[in-house]
Amino acid sequence: MPFSNTHNKHKLNFSAEEEFPDLTKHNNHMAKVLTPTIYKHLRDKETPSGFTLDDVIQTGVDNPGGPLGQPW
């Protein structure tokens, strides 16, 4: 696949608990609904093109939200 997402193929094998992002200082919707249980259940799944849960949540991890929950 020419546009395959290969970075996930080369990850070190850590447990779901170790890989779960620290969202304690986040004030966005993702941080409110993403639980360690959901993360553990979905983290190893990927689309046919290689897209994973880590790819989906990356923007929420990178953008913690404002004091009132604003995305910026």
Protein backbone atom coordinates (compact mmCIF):
# COMPACT_ATOMS: atom_id res chain seq x y z
CA MET A 1 0.00 0.00 0.00
CA PRO A 2 1.61 3.26 -1.05
CA PHE A 3 -0.06 5.34 1.67
CA SER A 4 -0.05 2.74 4.40
CA ASN A 5 0.41 4.01 7.94
CA THR A 6 3.57 2.16 8.92
CA HIS A 7 4.58 3.96 12.12
CA ASN A 8 2.24 1.76 14.17
CA LYS A 9 3.90 -1.39 12.84
CA HIS A 10 7.17 -0.39 14.49
CA LYS A 11 5.88 0.47 17.95
CA LEU A 12 7.43 -1.11 21.00
CA ASN A 13 5.10 -3.46 22.79
CA PHE A 14 3.82 -1.70 25.88
CA SER A 15 0.68 -2.58 27.80
CA ALA A 16 -2.49 -0.59 27.23
CA GLU A 17 -2.10 0.91 30.70
CA GLU A 18 1.40 2.17 29.84
CA GLU A 19 0.30 3.59 26.47
CA PHE A 20 -2.89 5.25 27.68
CA PRO A 21 -2.29 9.02 27.43
CA ASP A 22 -2.28 11.17 30.56
CA LEU A 23 -5.45 13.21 30.12
CA THR A 24 -5.66 14.61 33.64
CA LYS A 25 -4.99 18.18 32.48
CA HIS A 26 -7.18 17.92 29.38
CA ASN A 27 -10.54 19.63 29.12
CA ASN A 28 -11.89 18.32 25.85
CA HIS A 29 -14.60 15.86 24.92
CA MET A 30 -12.14 13.07 24.11
CA ALA A 31 -10.66 13.27 27.60
CA LYS A 32 -14.13 13.02 29.09
CA VAL A 33 -15.19 9.89 27.18
CA LEU A 34 -11.99 7.94 26.51
CA THR A 35 -11.45 5.45 29.31
CA PRO A 36 -8.59 3.00 29.80
CA THR A 37 -11.07 0.18 29.11
CA ILE A 38 -12.15 1.66 25.77
CA TYR A 39 -8.53 2.35 24.83
CA LYS A 40 -7.47 -1.22 25.69
CA HIS A 41 -10.32 -2.66 23.63
CA LEU A 42 -9.68 -0.55 20.52
CA ARG A 43 -5.95 0.23 20.48
CA ASP A 44 -4.88 -2.81 18.42
CA LYS A 45 -7.58 -2.47 15.78
CA GLU A 46 -6.83 -0.74 12.51
CA THR A 47 -8.51 0.10 9.25
CA PRO A 48 -7.40 -1.60 6.02
CA SER A 49 -5.12 1.38 5.39
CA GLY A 50 -3.50 1.07 8.83
CA PHE A 51 -5.30 3.91 10.66
CA THR A 52 -5.48 3.22 14.43
CA LEU A 53 -7.09 4.63 17.55
CA ASP A 54 -3.83 6.39 18.37
CA ASP A 55 -4.10 8.22 15.04
CA VAL A 56 -7.70 9.20 15.83
CA ILE A 57 -7.04 10.56 19.32
CA GLN A 58 -3.74 12.32 18.55
CA THR A 59 -5.36 15.72 17.96
CA GLY A 60 -7.18 15.48 21.30
CA VAL A 61 -3.93 14.57 23.05
CA ASP A 62 -2.08 17.45 21.39
CA ASN A 63 -4.84 20.01 22.06
CA PRO A 64 -5.98 19.79 25.69
CA GLY A 65 -8.69 22.44 25.37
CA GLY A 66 -9.21 25.70 27.19
CA PRO A 67 -10.39 26.34 30.74
CA LEU A 68 -14.03 26.19 29.67
CA GLY A 69 -13.56 23.28 27.31
CA GLN A 70 -12.96 25.31 24.18
CA PRO A 71 -10.95 23.38 21.60
CA TRP A 72 -8.36 26.17 21.21
